[in-house]
Amino acid sequence: MSVSNRRKEERYKGEGEVRLCFEDPTRQEVSGALLDYSNSGFRAAHKYCALHAGQIVDFRHVIANGKARVMWNRIIEDRVETGFLVLS
């Protein structure tokens, strides 16, 4: 079964900038690109490889803003892809 078949929500192509802010242990701000999004989460590409699963970030992109939990990271050459779960 492919990953796309296991998804419970439809994904939409994203574009534009993503801003992530978090304490690590001092305030950090990371810029990246929105790759795709759904009703409950989004995937972004960036260059900050120290985000970790479970970490809570403040986010802002063209579709939404708020708080999200880091669910996973994938390092691909010189960039990182991260999946986020948006928190209500």
PDB file of N, CA and C in Angstrom:
ATOM      1  N   MET A   1       0.849  -1.183   0.000  1.00  0.00           N
ATOM      2  CA  MET A   1       0.000   0.000   0.000  1.00  0.00           C
ATOM      3  C   MET A   1       0.890   1.240   0.000  1.00  0.00           C
ATOM      4  N   SER A   2       0.631   2.152  -0.901  1.00  0.00           N
ATOM      5  CA  SER A   2       1.443   3.357  -0.974  1.00  0.00           C
ATOM      6  C   SER A   2       1.045   4.334   0.141  1.00  0.00           C
ATOM      7  N   VAL A   3       1.952   5.264   0.421  1.00  0.00           N
ATOM      8  CA  VAL A   3       1.689   6.264   1.461  1.00  0.00           C
ATOM      9  C   VAL A   3       0.437   7.059   1.118  1.00  0.00           C
ATOM     10  N   SER A   4       0.285   7.444  -0.145  1.00  0.00           N
ATOM     11  CA  SER A   4      -0.877   8.257  -0.512  1.00  0.00           C
ATOM     12  C   SER A   4      -2.179   7.505  -0.264  1.00  0.00           C
ATOM     13  N   ASN A   5      -2.179   6.169  -0.367  1.00  0.00           N
ATOM     14  CA  ASN A   5      -3.387   5.390  -0.113  1.00  0.00           C
ATOM     15  C   ASN A   5      -3.709   5.294   1.377  1.00  0.00           C
ATOM     16  N   ARG A   6      -2.732   5.479   2.241  1.00  0.00           N
ATOM     17  CA  ARG A   6      -2.964   5.411   3.691  1.00  0.00           C
ATOM     18  C   ARG A   6      -3.437   6.735   4.268  1.00  0.00           C
ATOM     19  N   ARG A   7      -3.349   7.806   3.523  1.00  0.00           N
ATOM     20  CA  ARG A   7      -3.767   9.112   4.033  1.00  0.00           C
ATOM     21  C   ARG A   7      -5.273   9.159   4.179  1.00  0.00           C
ATOM     22  N   LYS A   8      -5.711   9.724   5.290  1.00  0.00           N
ATOM     23  CA  LYS A   8      -7.142   9.824   5.566  1.00  0.00           C
ATOM     24  C   LYS A   8      -7.751  11.100   5.000  1.00  0.00           C
ATOM     25  N   GLU A   9      -6.901  12.094   4.729  1.00  0.00           N
ATOM     26  CA  GLU A   9      -7.374  13.374   4.218  1.00  0.00           C
ATOM     27  C   GLU A   9      -6.719  13.682   2.875  1.00  0.00           C
ATOM     28  N   GLU A  10      -7.446  14.399   2.064  1.00  0.00           N
ATOM     29  CA  GLU A  10      -6.891  14.816   0.784  1.00  0.00           C
ATOM     30  C   GLU A  10      -5.795  15.852   1.009  1.00  0.00           C
ATOM     31  N   ARG A  11      -4.748  15.759   0.230  1.00  0.00           N
ATOM     32  CA  ARG A  11      -3.646  16.724   0.262  1.00  0.00           C
ATOM     33  C   ARG A  11      -3.785  17.676  -0.908  1.00  0.00           C
ATOM     34  N   TYR A  12      -3.377  18.907  -0.665  1.00  0.00           N
ATOM     35  CA  TYR A  12      -3.414  19.938  -1.698  1.00  0.00           C
ATOM     36  C   TYR A  12      -2.009  20.480  -1.898  1.00  0.00           C
ATOM     37  N   LYS A  13      -1.661  20.787  -3.135  1.00  0.00           N
ATOM     38  CA  LYS A  13      -0.346  21.330  -3.429  1.00  0.00           C
ATOM     39  C   LYS A  13      -0.205  22.682  -2.755  1.00  0.00           C
ATOM     40  N   GLY A  14       0.908  22.866  -2.099  1.00  0.00           N
ATOM     41  CA  GLY A  14       1.172  24.131  -1.435  1.00  0.00           C
ATOM     42  C   GLY A  14       2.239  24.913  -2.168  1.00  0.00           C
ATOM     43  N   GLU A  15       2.289  26.175  -1.909  1.00  0.00           N
ATOM     44  CA  GLU A  15       3.356  27.016  -2.432  1.00  0.00           C
ATOM     45  C   GLU A  15       3.469  28.231  -1.535  1.00  0.00           C
ATOM     46  N   GLY A  16       4.603  28.862  -1.585  1.00  0.00           N
ATOM     47  CA  GLY A  16       4.830  30.034  -0.760  1.00  0.00           C
ATOM     48  C   GLY A  16       5.700  29.715   0.439  1.00  0.00           C
ATOM     49  N   GLU A  17       5.963  30.757   1.200  1.00  0.00           N
ATOM     50  CA  GLU A  17       6.870  30.660   2.339  1.00  0.00           C
ATOM     51  C   GLU A  17       6.154  30.131   3.584  1.00  0.00           C
ATOM     52  N   VAL A  18       6.916  29.398   4.399  1.00  0.00           N
ATOM     53  CA  VAL A  18       6.489  28.959   5.734  1.00  0.00           C
ATOM     54  C   VAL A  18       7.460  29.569   6.727  1.00  0.00           C
ATOM     55  N   ARG A  19       6.934  30.120   7.808  1.00  0.00           N
ATOM     56  CA  ARG A  19       7.752  30.622   8.916  1.00  0.00           C
ATOM     57  C   ARG A  19       7.481  29.749  10.126  1.00  0.00           C
ATOM     58  N   LEU A  20       8.547  29.248  10.742  1.00  0.00           N
ATOM     59  CA  LEU A  20       8.451  28.426  11.949  1.00  0.00           C
ATOM     60  C   LEU A  20       9.199  29.137  13.063  1.00  0.00           C
ATOM     61  N   CYS A  21       8.602  29.239  14.243  1.00  0.00           N
ATOM     62  CA  CYS A  21       9.241  29.847  15.406  1.00  0.00           C
ATOM     63  C   CYS A  21       9.108  28.887  16.579  1.00  0.00           C
ATOM     64  N   PHE A  22      10.179  28.779  17.377  1.00  0.00           N
ATOM     65  CA  PHE A  22      10.175  27.863  18.514  1.00  0.00           C
ATOM     66  C   PHE A  22      11.320  28.212  19.446  1.00  0.00           C
ATOM     67  N   GLU A  23      11.268  27.679  20.655  1.00  0.00           N
ATOM     68  CA  GLU A  23      12.329  27.848  21.649  1.00  0.00           C
ATOM     69  C   GLU A  23      13.223  26.617  21.588  1.00  0.00           C
ATOM     70  N   ASP A  24      14.550  26.819  21.456  1.00  0.00           N
ATOM     71  CA  ASP A  24      15.436  25.665  21.275  1.00  0.00           C
ATOM     72  C   ASP A  24      16.864  25.914  21.734  1.00  0.00           C
ATOM     73  N   PRO A  25      17.243  26.224  22.913  1.00  0.00           N
ATOM     74  CA  PRO A  25      16.451  26.712  24.041  1.00  0.00           C
ATOM     75  C   PRO A  25      16.152  28.195  23.927  1.00  0.00           C
ATOM     76  N   THR A  26      16.808  28.895  22.999  1.00  0.00           N
ATOM     77  CA  THR A  26      16.457  30.297  22.765  1.00  0.00           C
ATOM     78  C   THR A  26      15.565  30.364  21.532  1.00  0.00           C
ATOM     79  N   ARG A  27      14.915  31.490  21.357  1.00  0.00           N
ATOM     80  CA  ARG A  27      13.973  31.640  20.240  1.00  0.00           C
ATOM     81  C   ARG A  27      14.700  31.483  18.898  1.00  0.00           C
ATOM     82  N   GLN A  28      14.143  30.637  18.055  1.00  0.00           N
ATOM     83  CA  GLN A  28      14.658  30.388  16.700  1.00  0.00           C
ATOM     84  C   GLN A  28      13.555  30.697  15.704  1.00  0.00           C
ATOM     85  N   GLU A  29      13.936  31.146  14.536  1.00  0.00           N
ATOM     86  CA  GLU A  29      12.985  31.327  13.443  1.00  0.00           C
ATOM     87  C   GLU A  29      13.571  30.683  12.194  1.00  0.00           C
ATOM     88  N   VAL A  30      12.772  29.846  11.549  1.00  0.00           N
ATOM     89  CA  VAL A  30      13.197  29.113  10.362  1.00  0.00           C
ATOM     90  C   VAL A  30      12.248  29.452   9.221  1.00  0.00           C
ATOM     91  N   SER A  31      12.799  29.721   8.047  1.00  0.00           N
ATOM     92  CA  SER A  31      12.005  29.943   6.842  1.00  0.00           C
ATOM     93  C   SER A  31      12.094  28.718   5.959  1.00  0.00           C
ATOM     94  N   GLY A  32      11.018  28.418   5.279  1.00  0.00           N
ATOM     95  CA  GLY A  32      10.998  27.288   4.370  1.00  0.00           C
ATOM     96  C   GLY A  32       9.917  27.475   3.330  1.00  0.00           C
ATOM     97  N   ALA A  33       9.611  26.387   2.629  1.00  0.00           N
ATOM     98  CA  ALA A  33       8.603  26.415   1.569  1.00  0.00           C
ATOM     99  C   ALA A  33       7.502  25.415   1.883  1.00  0.00           C
ATOM    100  N   LEU A  34       6.265  25.827   1.693  1.00  0.00           N
ATOM    101  CA  LEU A  34       5.111  24.955   1.877  1.00  0.00           C
ATOM    102  C   LEU A  34       5.034  23.996   0.686  1.00  0.00           C
ATOM    103  N   LEU A  35       5.076  22.687   0.953  1.00  0.00           N
ATOM    104  CA  LEU A  35       5.018  21.685  -0.115  1.00  0.00           C
ATOM    105  C   LEU A  35       3.598  21.214  -0.372  1.00  0.00           C
ATOM    106  N   ASP A  36       2.875  20.881   0.709  1.00  0.00           N
ATOM    107  CA  ASP A  36       1.470  20.497   0.589  1.00  0.00           C
ATOM    108  C   ASP A  36       0.794  20.652   1.937  1.00  0.00           C
ATOM    109  N   TYR A  37      -0.543  20.535   1.935  1.00  0.00           N
ATOM    110  CA  TYR A  37      -1.300  20.711   3.176  1.00  0.00           C
ATOM    111  C   TYR A  37      -2.596  19.919   3.090  1.00  0.00           C
ATOM    112  N   SER A  38      -3.169  19.664   4.266  1.00  0.00           N
ATOM    113  CA  SER A  38      -4.477  19.023   4.388  1.00  0.00           C
ATOM    114  C   SER A  38      -5.238  19.785   5.462  1.00  0.00           C
ATOM    115  N   ASN A  39      -6.408  19.288   5.846  1.00  0.00           N
ATOM    116  CA  ASN A  39      -7.173  19.949   6.903  1.00  0.00           C
ATOM    117  C   ASN A  39      -6.465  19.907   8.247  1.00  0.00           C
ATOM    118  N   SER A  40      -5.629  18.898   8.485  1.00  0.00           N
ATOM    119  CA  SER A  40      -5.033  18.756   9.809  1.00  0.00           C
ATOM    120  C   SER A  40      -3.516  18.906   9.850  1.00  0.00           C
ATOM    121  N   GLY A  41      -2.872  19.151   8.727  1.00  0.00           N
ATOM    122  CA  GLY A  41      -1.426  19.255   8.763  1.00  0.00           C
ATOM    123  C   GLY A  41      -0.850  19.830   7.494  1.00  0.00           C
ATOM    124  N   PHE A  42       0.485  19.857   7.446  1.00  0.00           N
ATOM    125  CA  PHE A  42       1.177  20.347   6.268  1.00  0.00           C
ATOM    126  C   PHE A  42       2.589  19.776   6.235  1.00  0.00           C
ATOM    127  N   ARG A  43       3.210  19.882   5.079  1.00  0.00           N
ATOM    128  CA  ARG A  43       4.582  19.429   4.876  1.00  0.00           C
ATOM    129  C   ARG A  43       5.373  20.603   4.335  1.00  0.00           C
ATOM    130  N   ALA A  44       6.556  20.818   4.896  1.00  0.00           N
ATOM    131  CA  ALA A  44       7.389  21.950   4.502  1.00  0.00           C
ATOM    132  C   ALA A  44       8.822  21.491   4.254  1.00  0.00           C
ATOM    133  N   ALA A  45       9.515  22.200   3.370  1.00  0.00           N
ATOM    134  CA  ALA A  45      10.935  21.989   3.117  1.00  0.00           C
ATOM    135  C   ALA A  45      11.697  23.175   3.695  1.00  0.00           C
ATOM    136  N   HIS A  46      12.840  22.894   4.330  1.00  0.00           N
ATOM    137  CA  HIS A  46      13.662  23.939   4.948  1.00  0.00           C
ATOM    138  C   HIS A  46      15.077  23.405   5.098  1.00  0.00           C
ATOM    139  N   LYS A  47      15.943  24.147   5.759  1.00  0.00           N
ATOM    140  CA  LYS A  47      17.339  23.731   5.913  1.00  0.00           C
ATOM    141  C   LYS A  47      17.737  23.515   7.378  1.00  0.00           C
ATOM    142  N   TYR A  48      16.786  23.480   8.296  1.00  0.00           N
ATOM    143  CA  TYR A  48      17.076  23.343   9.726  1.00  0.00           C
ATOM    144  C   TYR A  48      16.904  21.882  10.141  1.00  0.00           C
ATOM    145  N   CYS A  49      18.010  21.152  10.297  1.00  0.00           N
ATOM    146  CA  CYS A  49      17.923  19.711  10.546  1.00  0.00           C
ATOM    147  C   CYS A  49      17.740  19.344  12.018  1.00  0.00           C
ATOM    148  N   ALA A  50      17.664  20.310  12.926  1.00  0.00           N
ATOM    149  CA  ALA A  50      17.556  19.997  14.349  1.00  0.00           C
ATOM    150  C   ALA A  50      16.123  19.934  14.875  1.00  0.00           C
ATOM    151  N   LEU A  51      15.106  20.141  14.032  1.00  0.00           N
ATOM    152  CA  LEU A  51      13.735  19.923  14.500  1.00  0.00           C
ATOM    153  C   LEU A  51      13.583  18.456  14.862  1.00  0.00           C
ATOM    154  N   HIS A  52      12.791  18.153  15.877  1.00  0.00           N
ATOM    155  CA  HIS A  52      12.637  16.757  16.282  1.00  0.00           C
ATOM    156  C   HIS A  52      11.165  16.420  16.494  1.00  0.00           C
ATOM    157  N   ALA A  53      10.838  15.158  16.306  1.00  0.00           N
ATOM    158  CA  ALA A  53       9.458  14.685  16.473  1.00  0.00           C
ATOM    159  C   ALA A  53       8.947  15.055  17.857  1.00  0.00           C
ATOM    160  N   GLY A  54       7.733  15.565  17.905  1.00  0.00           N
ATOM    161  CA  GLY A  54       7.110  15.981  19.156  1.00  0.00           C
ATOM    162  C   GLY A  54       7.284  17.449  19.474  1.00  0.00           C
ATOM    163  N   GLN A  55       8.224  18.111  18.826  1.00  0.00           N
ATOM    164  CA  GLN A  55       8.478  19.523  19.084  1.00  0.00           C
ATOM    165  C   GLN A  55       7.283  20.361  18.631  1.00  0.00           C
ATOM    166  N   ILE A  56       6.929  21.371  19.421  1.00  0.00           N
ATOM    167  CA  ILE A  56       5.826  22.279  19.104  1.00  0.00           C
ATOM    168  C   ILE A  56       6.408  23.565  18.520  1.00  0.00           C
ATOM    169  N   VAL A  57       5.841  24.018  17.404  1.00  0.00           N
ATOM    170  CA  VAL A  57       6.295  25.244  16.759  1.00  0.00           C
ATOM    171  C   VAL A  57       5.101  26.157  16.510  1.00  0.00           C
ATOM    172  N   ASP A  58       5.361  27.452  16.450  1.00  0.00           N
ATOM    173  CA  ASP A  58       4.399  28.407  15.913  1.00  0.00           C
ATOM    174  C   ASP A  58       4.673  28.469  14.417  1.00  0.00           C
ATOM    175  N   PHE A  59       3.621  28.472  13.603  1.00  0.00           N
ATOM    176  CA  PHE A  59       3.830  28.508  12.161  1.00  0.00           C
ATOM    177  C   PHE A  59       2.948  29.564  11.519  1.00  0.00           C
ATOM    178  N   ARG A  60       3.372  29.974  10.338  1.00  0.00           N
ATOM    179  CA  ARG A  60       2.597  30.901   9.514  1.00  0.00           C
ATOM    180  C   ARG A  60       2.904  30.583   8.061  1.00  0.00           C
ATOM    181  N   HIS A  61       1.850  30.344   7.278  1.00  0.00           N
ATOM    182  CA  HIS A  61       1.978  30.224   5.831  1.00  0.00           C
ATOM    183  C   HIS A  61       0.714  30.775   5.194  1.00  0.00           C
ATOM    184  N   VAL A  62       0.657  30.793   3.881  1.00  0.00           N
ATOM    185  CA  VAL A  62      -0.425  31.466   3.160  1.00  0.00           C
ATOM    186  C   VAL A  62      -1.801  30.881   3.475  1.00  0.00           C
ATOM    187  N   ILE A  63      -1.879  29.606   3.872  1.00  0.00           N
ATOM    188  CA  ILE A  63      -3.157  28.944   4.125  1.00  0.00           C
ATOM    189  C   ILE A  63      -3.628  29.132   5.564  1.00  0.00           C
ATOM    190  N   ALA A  64      -2.698  29.116   6.530  1.00  0.00           N
ATOM    191  CA  ALA A  64      -3.092  29.152   7.945  1.00  0.00           C
ATOM    192  C   ALA A  64      -1.925  29.599   8.816  1.00  0.00           C
ATOM    193  N   ASN A  65      -2.220  29.779  10.095  1.00  0.00           N
ATOM    194  CA  ASN A  65      -1.175  30.009  11.095  1.00  0.00           C
ATOM    195  C   ASN A  65      -1.654  29.446  12.413  1.00  0.00           C
ATOM    196  N   GLY A  66      -0.725  29.223  13.334  1.00  0.00           N
ATOM    197  CA  GLY A  66      -1.069  28.666  14.633  1.00  0.00           C
ATOM    198  C   GLY A  66       0.076  27.865  15.202  1.00  0.00           C
ATOM    199  N   LYS A  67      -0.274  26.800  15.924  1.00  0.00           N
ATOM    200  CA  LYS A  67       0.720  25.906  16.529  1.00  0.00           C
ATOM    201  C   LYS A  67       0.631  24.551  15.849  1.00  0.00           C
ATOM    202  N   ALA A  68       1.794  23.890  15.720  1.00  0.00           N
ATOM    203  CA  ALA A  68       1.837  22.569  15.102  1.00  0.00           C
ATOM    204  C   ALA A  68       2.888  21.720  15.799  1.00  0.00           C
ATOM    205  N   ARG A  69       2.699  20.413  15.736  1.00  0.00           N
ATOM    206  CA  ARG A  69       3.644  19.444  16.298  1.00  0.00           C
ATOM    207  C   ARG A  69       4.424  18.810  15.153  1.00  0.00           C
ATOM    208  N   VAL A  70       5.741  18.716  15.306  1.00  0.00           N
ATOM    209  CA  VAL A  70       6.583  18.020  14.337  1.00  0.00           C
ATOM    210  C   VAL A  70       6.284  16.528  14.441  1.00  0.00           C
ATOM    211  N   MET A  71       5.905  15.911  13.331  1.00  0.00           N
ATOM    212  CA  MET A  71       5.583  14.485  13.316  1.00  0.00           C
ATOM    213  C   MET A  71       6.736  13.643  12.773  1.00  0.00           C
ATOM    214  N   TRP A  72       7.440  14.150  11.776  1.00  0.00           N
ATOM    215  CA  TRP A  72       8.555  13.413  11.186  1.00  0.00           C
ATOM    216  C   TRP A  72       9.442  14.375  10.400  1.00  0.00           C
ATOM    217  N   ASN A  73      10.678  13.934  10.164  1.00  0.00           N
ATOM    218  CA  ASN A  73      11.651  14.652   9.327  1.00  0.00           C
ATOM    219  C   ASN A  73      12.238  13.688   8.324  1.00  0.00           C
ATOM    220  N   ARG A  74      12.553  14.181   7.156  1.00  0.00           N
ATOM    221  CA  ARG A  74      13.266  13.412   6.137  1.00  0.00           C
ATOM    222  C   ARG A  74      14.349  14.325   5.588  1.00  0.00           C
ATOM    223  N   ILE A  75      15.601  13.918   5.723  1.00  0.00           N
ATOM    224  CA  ILE A  75      16.715  14.708   5.212  1.00  0.00           C
ATOM    225  C   ILE A  75      17.047  14.203   3.812  1.00  0.00           C
ATOM    226  N   ILE A  76      16.989  15.103   2.849  1.00  0.00           N
ATOM    227  CA  ILE A  76      17.250  14.778   1.449  1.00  0.00           C
ATOM    228  C   ILE A  76      18.323  15.736   0.957  1.00  0.00           C
ATOM    229  N   GLU A  77      19.534  15.215   0.795  1.00  0.00           N
ATOM    230  CA  GLU A  77      20.682  16.008   0.367  1.00  0.00           C
ATOM    231  C   GLU A  77      20.850  17.234   1.250  1.00  0.00           C
ATOM    232  N   ASP A  78      20.619  18.435   0.722  1.00  0.00           N
ATOM    233  CA  ASP A  78      20.870  19.649   1.505  1.00  0.00           C
ATOM    234  C   ASP A  78      19.597  20.287   2.052  1.00  0.00           C
ATOM    235  N   ARG A  79      18.492  19.537   2.073  1.00  0.00           N
ATOM    236  CA  ARG A  79      17.259  20.097   2.615  1.00  0.00           C
ATOM    237  C   ARG A  79      16.572  19.085   3.525  1.00  0.00           C
ATOM    238  N   VAL A  80      15.665  19.602   4.332  1.00  0.00           N
ATOM    239  CA  VAL A  80      14.890  18.774   5.260  1.00  0.00           C
ATOM    240  C   VAL A  80      13.415  18.929   4.896  1.00  0.00           C
ATOM    241  N   GLU A  81      12.697  17.829   4.834  1.00  0.00           N
ATOM    242  CA  GLU A  81      11.238  17.869   4.712  1.00  0.00           C
ATOM    243  C   GLU A  81      10.676  17.467   6.070  1.00  0.00           C
ATOM    244  N   THR A  82       9.692  18.215   6.536  1.00  0.00           N
ATOM    245  CA  THR A  82       9.081  17.943   7.841  1.00  0.00           C
ATOM    246  C   THR A  82       7.571  17.890   7.686  1.00  0.00           C
ATOM    247  N   GLY A  83       6.954  16.902   8.337  1.00  0.00           N
ATOM    248  CA  GLY A  83       5.518  16.806   8.391  1.00  0.00           C
ATOM    249  C   GLY A  83       5.012  17.342   9.718  1.00  0.00           C
ATOM    250  N   PHE A  84       3.991  18.167   9.684  1.00  0.00           N
ATOM    251  CA  PHE A  84       3.446  18.823  10.877  1.00  0.00           C
ATOM    252  C   PHE A  84       1.974  18.482  11.049  1.00  0.00           C
ATOM    253  N   LEU A  85       1.571  18.307  12.296  1.00  0.00           N
ATOM    254  CA  LEU A  85       0.166  18.154  12.676  1.00  0.00           C
ATOM    255  C   LEU A  85      -0.269  19.472  13.303  1.00  0.00           C
ATOM    256  N   VAL A  86      -1.273  20.111  12.735  1.00  0.00           N
ATOM    257  CA  VAL A  86      -1.761  21.385  13.270  1.00  0.00           C
ATOM    258  C   VAL A  86      -2.550  21.112  14.552  1.00  0.00           C
ATOM    259  N   LEU A  87      -2.263  21.882  15.589  1.00  0.00           N
ATOM    260  CA  LEU A  87      -2.921  21.748  16.880  1.00  0.00           C
ATOM    261  C   LEU A  87      -4.065  22.743  16.975  1.00  0.00           C
ATOM    262  N   SER A  88      -5.189  22.327  17.499  1.00  0.00           N
ATOM    263  CA  SER A  88      -6.361  23.227  17.610  1.00  0.00           C
ATOM    264  C   SER A  88      -6.175  24.220  18.722  1.00  0.00           C
TER     265      SER A  88
END
